[in-house]
Amino acid sequence: MKKLILFITIVFLFSCNSGTPVVVPDELMSPELMEDIYFDLMLMKVIKNSNYVAPEYDSYFVDQYIFEKYGIDSLKLIQNQTYYAQKPKLMKAIFENLVVRAKKVEDSIDTIIKIEESRKE
């Protein structure tokens, strides 16, 4: 009986792998390109949700714009998102860069607002 339990335990341990295999997409996009895509998606979502967009322009803030701009389709984007999600260090670097880019945009908007306010005074 002890040999059977030992055998089952060994088989169980060897049958468990340490992780899921990372499937590389047919057309792997660079981290820089993924960052650009995520940045554009982020800007589109923020602008669309800001309530500053007239309803007649809502059709411009769709994912189709991203697909046309970068020459990709939804399947390629999903495959690459899945790939990068399985690589947390790469994904973390992409999102850290997004935070830096967003901060630069925010700072430049603040600068423009300050310039406009000083002109009004």
N, C-alpha and C. Protein backbone atom coordinates (compact mmCIF):
# COMPACT_ATOMS: atom_id res chain seq x y z
N MET A 1 0.81 -1.19 0.00
CA MET A 1 0.00 0.00 0.00
C MET A 1 0.86 1.26 0.00
N LYS A 2 1.96 1.23 0.78
CA LYS A 2 2.85 2.38 0.83
C LYS A 2 3.48 2.63 -0.54
N LYS A 3 3.81 1.55 -1.25
CA LYS A 3 4.40 1.70 -2.58
C LYS A 3 3.40 2.32 -3.54
N LEU A 4 2.13 1.97 -3.43
CA LEU A 4 1.09 2.52 -4.30
C LEU A 4 0.92 4.02 -4.02
N ILE A 5 0.89 4.40 -2.78
CA ILE A 5 0.76 5.81 -2.42
C ILE A 5 1.98 6.59 -2.89
N LEU A 6 3.17 6.03 -2.72
CA LEU A 6 4.39 6.67 -3.18
C LEU A 6 4.38 6.82 -4.70
N PHE A 7 3.95 5.79 -5.40
CA PHE A 7 3.88 5.83 -6.86
C PHE A 7 2.89 6.89 -7.32
N ILE A 8 1.71 6.95 -6.72
CA ILE A 8 0.70 7.94 -7.09
C ILE A 8 1.20 9.35 -6.80
N THR A 9 1.88 9.52 -5.68
CA THR A 9 2.44 10.82 -5.33
C THR A 9 3.48 11.27 -6.34
N ILE A 10 4.36 10.36 -6.74
CA ILE A 10 5.40 10.69 -7.72
C ILE A 10 4.77 11.02 -9.07
N VAL A 11 3.82 10.21 -9.49
CA VAL A 11 3.13 10.48 -10.76
C VAL A 11 2.43 11.83 -10.70
N PHE A 12 1.77 12.11 -9.60
CA PHE A 12 1.08 13.38 -9.43
C PHE A 12 2.04 14.56 -9.51
N LEU A 13 3.18 14.45 -8.85
CA LEU A 13 4.15 15.54 -8.86
C LEU A 13 4.74 15.78 -10.24
N PHE A 14 5.00 14.71 -10.98
CA PHE A 14 5.56 14.88 -12.31
C PHE A 14 4.51 15.30 -13.33
N SER A 15 3.26 15.04 -13.05
CA SER A 15 2.22 15.43 -13.99
C SER A 15 1.89 16.91 -13.89
N CYS A 16 2.20 17.52 -12.79
CA CYS A 16 1.94 18.95 -12.61
C CYS A 16 3.10 19.73 -13.21
N ASN A 17 2.79 20.59 -14.15
CA ASN A 17 3.86 21.42 -14.68
C ASN A 17 3.86 22.76 -13.96
N SER A 18 4.94 23.48 -14.08
CA SER A 18 5.10 24.70 -13.30
C SER A 18 4.33 25.89 -13.88
N GLY A 19 3.84 25.78 -15.06
CA GLY A 19 3.10 26.89 -15.65
C GLY A 19 2.53 26.49 -16.99
N THR A 20 1.75 27.38 -17.52
CA THR A 20 1.18 27.12 -18.83
C THR A 20 2.19 27.52 -19.89
N PRO A 21 2.20 26.82 -21.01
CA PRO A 21 3.15 27.19 -22.06
C PRO A 21 2.76 28.53 -22.67
N VAL A 22 3.76 29.32 -22.97
CA VAL A 22 3.53 30.62 -23.58
C VAL A 22 3.41 30.42 -25.09
N VAL A 23 2.25 30.77 -25.61
CA VAL A 23 2.01 30.64 -27.04
C VAL A 23 2.41 31.94 -27.71
N VAL A 24 3.40 31.86 -28.59
CA VAL A 24 3.86 33.05 -29.31
C VAL A 24 2.94 33.27 -30.50
N PRO A 25 2.36 34.46 -30.64
CA PRO A 25 1.47 34.74 -31.77
C PRO A 25 2.21 34.62 -33.10
N ASP A 26 1.45 34.39 -34.16
CA ASP A 26 2.04 34.29 -35.50
C ASP A 26 2.77 35.58 -35.85
N GLU A 27 2.16 36.71 -35.54
CA GLU A 27 2.77 38.01 -35.79
C GLU A 27 2.95 38.73 -34.45
N LEU A 28 4.08 38.50 -33.83
CA LEU A 28 4.36 39.10 -32.53
C LEU A 28 4.66 40.59 -32.69
N MET A 29 3.92 41.41 -31.96
CA MET A 29 4.15 42.85 -31.99
C MET A 29 5.19 43.21 -30.94
N SER A 30 5.97 44.20 -31.21
CA SER A 30 7.01 44.63 -30.28
C SER A 30 6.35 45.27 -29.04
N PRO A 31 7.06 45.27 -27.92
CA PRO A 31 6.52 45.94 -26.73
C PRO A 31 6.23 47.42 -26.97
N GLU A 32 7.05 48.06 -27.80
CA GLU A 32 6.85 49.47 -28.11
C GLU A 32 5.54 49.68 -28.87
N LEU A 33 5.24 48.78 -29.80
CA LEU A 33 4.00 48.89 -30.56
C LEU A 33 2.80 48.62 -29.66
N MET A 34 2.92 47.64 -28.77
CA MET A 34 1.84 47.37 -27.83
C MET A 34 1.61 48.59 -26.94
N GLU A 35 2.69 49.23 -26.53
CA GLU A 35 2.57 50.44 -25.71
C GLU A 35 1.82 51.53 -26.46
N ASP A 36 2.17 51.72 -27.73
CA ASP A 36 1.49 52.74 -28.54
C ASP A 36 0.00 52.42 -28.68
N ILE A 37 -0.31 51.16 -28.91
CA ILE A 37 -1.71 50.76 -29.06
C ILE A 37 -2.46 51.00 -27.75
N TYR A 38 -1.89 50.56 -26.64
CA TYR A 38 -2.53 50.76 -25.34
C TYR A 38 -2.70 52.26 -25.04
N PHE A 39 -1.72 53.06 -25.41
CA PHE A 39 -1.80 54.50 -25.16
C PHE A 39 -2.95 55.11 -25.95
N ASP A 40 -3.05 54.75 -27.23
CA ASP A 40 -4.14 55.27 -28.05
C ASP A 40 -5.50 54.81 -27.53
N LEU A 41 -5.57 53.54 -27.13
CA LEU A 41 -6.83 53.04 -26.56
C LEU A 41 -7.20 53.80 -25.29
N MET A 42 -6.20 54.06 -24.45
CA MET A 42 -6.43 54.78 -23.21
C MET A 42 -6.93 56.20 -23.50
N LEU A 43 -6.28 56.88 -24.43
CA LEU A 43 -6.71 58.24 -24.77
C LEU A 43 -8.13 58.25 -25.32
N MET A 44 -8.43 57.30 -26.19
CA MET A 44 -9.78 57.25 -26.76
C MET A 44 -10.82 57.02 -25.68
N LYS A 45 -10.56 56.14 -24.75
CA LYS A 45 -11.52 55.85 -23.68
C LYS A 45 -11.70 57.08 -22.77
N VAL A 46 -10.60 57.74 -22.45
CA VAL A 46 -10.67 58.91 -21.58
C VAL A 46 -11.45 60.04 -22.26
N ILE A 47 -11.15 60.28 -23.52
CA ILE A 47 -11.84 61.34 -24.24
C ILE A 47 -13.33 61.01 -24.38
N LYS A 48 -13.63 59.78 -24.73
CA LYS A 48 -15.03 59.38 -24.91
C LYS A 48 -15.81 59.48 -23.60
N ASN A 49 -15.18 59.13 -22.49
CA ASN A 49 -15.86 59.16 -21.20
C ASN A 49 -15.86 60.53 -20.53
N SER A 50 -15.23 61.51 -21.15
CA SER A 50 -15.13 62.83 -20.54
C SER A 50 -16.38 63.68 -20.72
N ASN A 51 -17.29 63.25 -21.57
CA ASN A 51 -18.52 63.99 -21.87
C ASN A 51 -18.26 65.31 -22.58
N TYR A 52 -17.06 65.47 -23.14
CA TYR A 52 -16.77 66.66 -23.92
C TYR A 52 -16.95 66.41 -25.41
N VAL A 53 -17.25 65.18 -25.76
CA VAL A 53 -17.38 64.82 -27.16
C VAL A 53 -18.84 64.89 -27.56
N ALA A 54 -19.11 65.63 -28.61
CA ALA A 54 -20.47 65.72 -29.11
C ALA A 54 -20.91 64.34 -29.61
N PRO A 55 -22.16 64.00 -29.43
CA PRO A 55 -22.65 62.67 -29.82
C PRO A 55 -22.38 62.32 -31.28
N GLU A 56 -22.38 63.30 -32.15
CA GLU A 56 -22.15 62.99 -33.57
C GLU A 56 -20.72 62.53 -33.85
N TYR A 57 -19.81 62.74 -32.90
CA TYR A 57 -18.42 62.30 -33.06
C TYR A 57 -18.10 61.01 -32.33
N ASP A 58 -19.08 60.41 -31.69
CA ASP A 58 -18.86 59.15 -30.97
C ASP A 58 -18.33 58.04 -31.88
N SER A 59 -18.73 58.09 -33.13
CA SER A 59 -18.31 57.02 -34.05
C SER A 59 -16.80 57.04 -34.32
N TYR A 60 -16.13 58.13 -33.99
CA TYR A 60 -14.68 58.20 -34.18
C TYR A 60 -13.91 57.49 -33.07
N PHE A 61 -14.55 57.26 -31.96
CA PHE A 61 -13.87 56.68 -30.80
C PHE A 61 -14.21 55.21 -30.66
N VAL A 62 -13.86 54.45 -31.68
CA VAL A 62 -14.09 53.01 -31.68
C VAL A 62 -12.77 52.29 -31.93
N ASP A 63 -12.73 51.02 -31.58
CA ASP A 63 -11.50 50.24 -31.74
C ASP A 63 -11.09 50.08 -33.20
N GLN A 64 -12.04 50.22 -34.10
CA GLN A 64 -11.73 50.07 -35.53
C GLN A 64 -10.65 51.07 -35.96
N TYR A 65 -10.66 52.24 -35.36
CA TYR A 65 -9.63 53.25 -35.65
C TYR A 65 -8.24 52.69 -35.34
N ILE A 66 -8.11 52.01 -34.22
CA ILE A 66 -6.82 51.42 -33.83
C ILE A 66 -6.40 50.35 -34.83
N PHE A 67 -7.34 49.53 -35.22
CA PHE A 67 -7.03 48.46 -36.17
C PHE A 67 -6.53 49.04 -37.49
N GLU A 68 -7.17 50.08 -37.96
CA GLU A 68 -6.75 50.70 -39.22
C GLU A 68 -5.41 51.43 -39.06
N LYS A 69 -5.24 52.14 -37.97
CA LYS A 69 -4.01 52.92 -37.75
C LYS A 69 -2.78 52.02 -37.71
N TYR A 70 -2.89 50.88 -37.02
CA TYR A 70 -1.73 50.01 -36.85
C TYR A 70 -1.72 48.81 -37.80
N GLY A 71 -2.70 48.71 -38.68
CA GLY A 71 -2.73 47.63 -39.65
C GLY A 71 -2.87 46.25 -39.02
N ILE A 72 -3.71 46.18 -37.99
CA ILE A 72 -3.93 44.91 -37.30
C ILE A 72 -5.42 44.59 -37.30
N ASP A 73 -5.75 43.40 -36.84
CA ASP A 73 -7.15 43.07 -36.63
C ASP A 73 -7.34 42.68 -35.17
N SER A 74 -8.58 42.44 -34.81
CA SER A 74 -8.87 42.17 -33.39
C SER A 74 -8.21 40.87 -32.92
N LEU A 75 -8.13 39.88 -33.80
CA LEU A 75 -7.52 38.60 -33.41
C LEU A 75 -6.04 38.79 -33.11
N LYS A 76 -5.34 39.55 -33.94
CA LYS A 76 -3.91 39.79 -33.71
C LYS A 76 -3.70 40.54 -32.39
N LEU A 77 -4.56 41.50 -32.12
CA LEU A 77 -4.45 42.25 -30.87
C LEU A 77 -4.69 41.34 -29.67
N ILE A 78 -5.71 40.52 -29.74
CA ILE A 78 -6.02 39.62 -28.62
C ILE A 78 -4.90 38.61 -28.40
N GLN A 79 -4.37 38.05 -29.49
CA GLN A 79 -3.27 37.09 -29.37
C GLN A 79 -2.06 37.74 -28.70
N ASN A 80 -1.75 38.96 -29.10
CA ASN A 80 -0.60 39.64 -28.51
C ASN A 80 -0.87 40.05 -27.07
N GLN A 81 -2.10 40.45 -26.75
CA GLN A 81 -2.43 40.77 -25.37
C GLN A 81 -2.29 39.53 -24.50
N THR A 82 -2.72 38.39 -25.01
CA THR A 82 -2.60 37.14 -24.26
C THR A 82 -1.14 36.77 -24.06
N TYR A 83 -0.34 36.95 -25.09
CA TYR A 83 1.09 36.65 -25.00
C TYR A 83 1.75 37.52 -23.93
N TYR A 84 1.50 38.84 -24.00
CA TYR A 84 2.14 39.74 -23.05
C TYR A 84 1.59 39.55 -21.64
N ALA A 85 0.34 39.12 -21.51
CA ALA A 85 -0.23 38.84 -20.19
C ALA A 85 0.49 37.67 -19.53
N GLN A 86 1.05 36.77 -20.35
CA GLN A 86 1.79 35.64 -19.82
C GLN A 86 3.24 36.00 -19.51
N LYS A 87 3.63 37.20 -19.83
CA LYS A 87 4.98 37.71 -19.57
C LYS A 87 4.85 38.93 -18.65
N PRO A 88 4.67 38.72 -17.36
CA PRO A 88 4.38 39.85 -16.47
C PRO A 88 5.46 40.92 -16.42
N LYS A 89 6.71 40.55 -16.58
CA LYS A 89 7.77 41.57 -16.55
C LYS A 89 7.66 42.50 -17.75
N LEU A 90 7.38 41.94 -18.93
CA LEU A 90 7.20 42.77 -20.11
C LEU A 90 5.97 43.65 -19.98
N MET A 91 4.88 43.06 -19.48
CA MET A 91 3.64 43.81 -19.33
C MET A 91 3.81 44.94 -18.32
N LYS A 92 4.54 44.67 -17.25
CA LYS A 92 4.80 45.70 -16.24
C LYS A 92 5.58 46.85 -16.86
N ALA A 93 6.58 46.53 -17.66
CA ALA A 93 7.38 47.58 -18.31
C ALA A 93 6.51 48.42 -19.25
N ILE A 94 5.63 47.76 -19.98
CA ILE A 94 4.74 48.48 -20.89
C ILE A 94 3.86 49.45 -20.10
N PHE A 95 3.26 48.98 -19.01
CA PHE A 95 2.37 49.84 -18.24
C PHE A 95 3.12 50.92 -17.47
N GLU A 96 4.34 50.66 -17.07
CA GLU A 96 5.14 51.72 -16.44
C GLU A 96 5.42 52.83 -17.45
N ASN A 97 5.72 52.45 -18.69
CA ASN A 97 5.93 53.44 -19.74
C ASN A 97 4.65 54.21 -20.04
N LEU A 98 3.51 53.53 -19.96
CA LEU A 98 2.23 54.21 -20.18
C LEU A 98 1.99 55.26 -19.10
N VAL A 99 2.34 54.95 -17.88
CA VAL A 99 2.17 55.91 -16.79
C VAL A 99 3.04 57.14 -17.04
N VAL A 100 4.27 56.93 -17.49
CA VAL A 100 5.17 58.05 -17.79
C VAL A 100 4.60 58.89 -18.92
N ARG A 101 4.13 58.24 -19.97
CA ARG A 101 3.55 58.97 -21.11
C ARG A 101 2.31 59.75 -20.69
N ALA A 102 1.47 59.14 -19.88
CA ALA A 102 0.26 59.82 -19.43
C ALA A 102 0.62 61.03 -18.58
N LYS A 103 1.64 60.90 -17.76
CA LYS A 103 2.08 62.02 -16.93
C LYS A 103 2.60 63.17 -17.80
N LYS A 104 3.33 62.83 -18.88
CA LYS A 104 3.82 63.87 -19.79
C LYS A 104 2.67 64.61 -20.45
N VAL A 105 1.65 63.86 -20.87
CA VAL A 105 0.48 64.49 -21.49
C VAL A 105 -0.22 65.38 -20.47
N GLU A 106 -0.37 64.89 -19.26
CA GLU A 106 -1.01 65.68 -18.21
C GLU A 106 -0.23 66.96 -17.94
N ASP A 107 1.10 66.85 -17.87
CA ASP A 107 1.94 68.03 -17.62
C ASP A 107 1.82 69.03 -18.77
N SER A 108 1.79 68.54 -20.00
CA SER A 108 1.69 69.46 -21.13
C SER A 108 0.33 70.14 -21.15
N ILE A 109 -0.72 69.42 -20.75
CA ILE A 109 -2.05 70.04 -20.67
C ILE A 109 -2.07 71.10 -19.58
N ASP A 110 -1.45 70.79 -18.44
CA ASP A 110 -1.36 71.78 -17.36
C ASP A 110 -0.61 73.02 -17.83
N THR A 111 0.45 72.83 -18.59
CA THR A 111 1.22 73.97 -19.11
C THR A 111 0.37 74.81 -20.05
N ILE A 112 -0.39 74.19 -20.91
CA ILE A 112 -1.26 74.91 -21.83
C ILE A 112 -2.32 75.69 -21.06
N ILE A 113 -2.89 75.08 -20.04
CA ILE A 113 -3.90 75.76 -19.23
C ILE A 113 -3.30 76.97 -18.54
N LYS A 114 -2.10 76.85 -18.00
CA LYS A 114 -1.45 77.98 -17.33
C LYS A 114 -1.16 79.11 -18.31
N ILE A 115 -0.73 78.77 -19.52
CA ILE A 115 -0.46 79.79 -20.53
C ILE A 115 -1.77 80.53 -20.89
N GLU A 116 -2.83 79.78 -21.07
CA GLU A 116 -4.12 80.39 -21.40
C GLU A 116 -4.62 81.27 -20.28
N GLU A 117 -4.44 80.83 -19.04
CA GLU A 117 -4.88 81.65 -17.90
C GLU A 117 -4.07 82.93 -17.78
N SER A 118 -2.78 82.85 -18.08
CA SER A 118 -1.94 84.06 -17.99
C SER A 118 -2.30 85.03 -19.12
N ARG A 119 -2.72 84.53 -20.24
CA ARG A 119 -3.14 85.43 -21.33
C ARG A 119 -4.43 86.15 -20.99
N LYS A 120 -5.32 85.49 -20.26
CA LYS A 120 -6.60 86.11 -19.89
C LYS A 120 -6.38 87.19 -18.86
N GLU A 121 -5.35 87.09 -18.06
CA GLU A 121 -5.11 88.09 -17.00
C GLU A 121 -4.45 89.28 -17.56
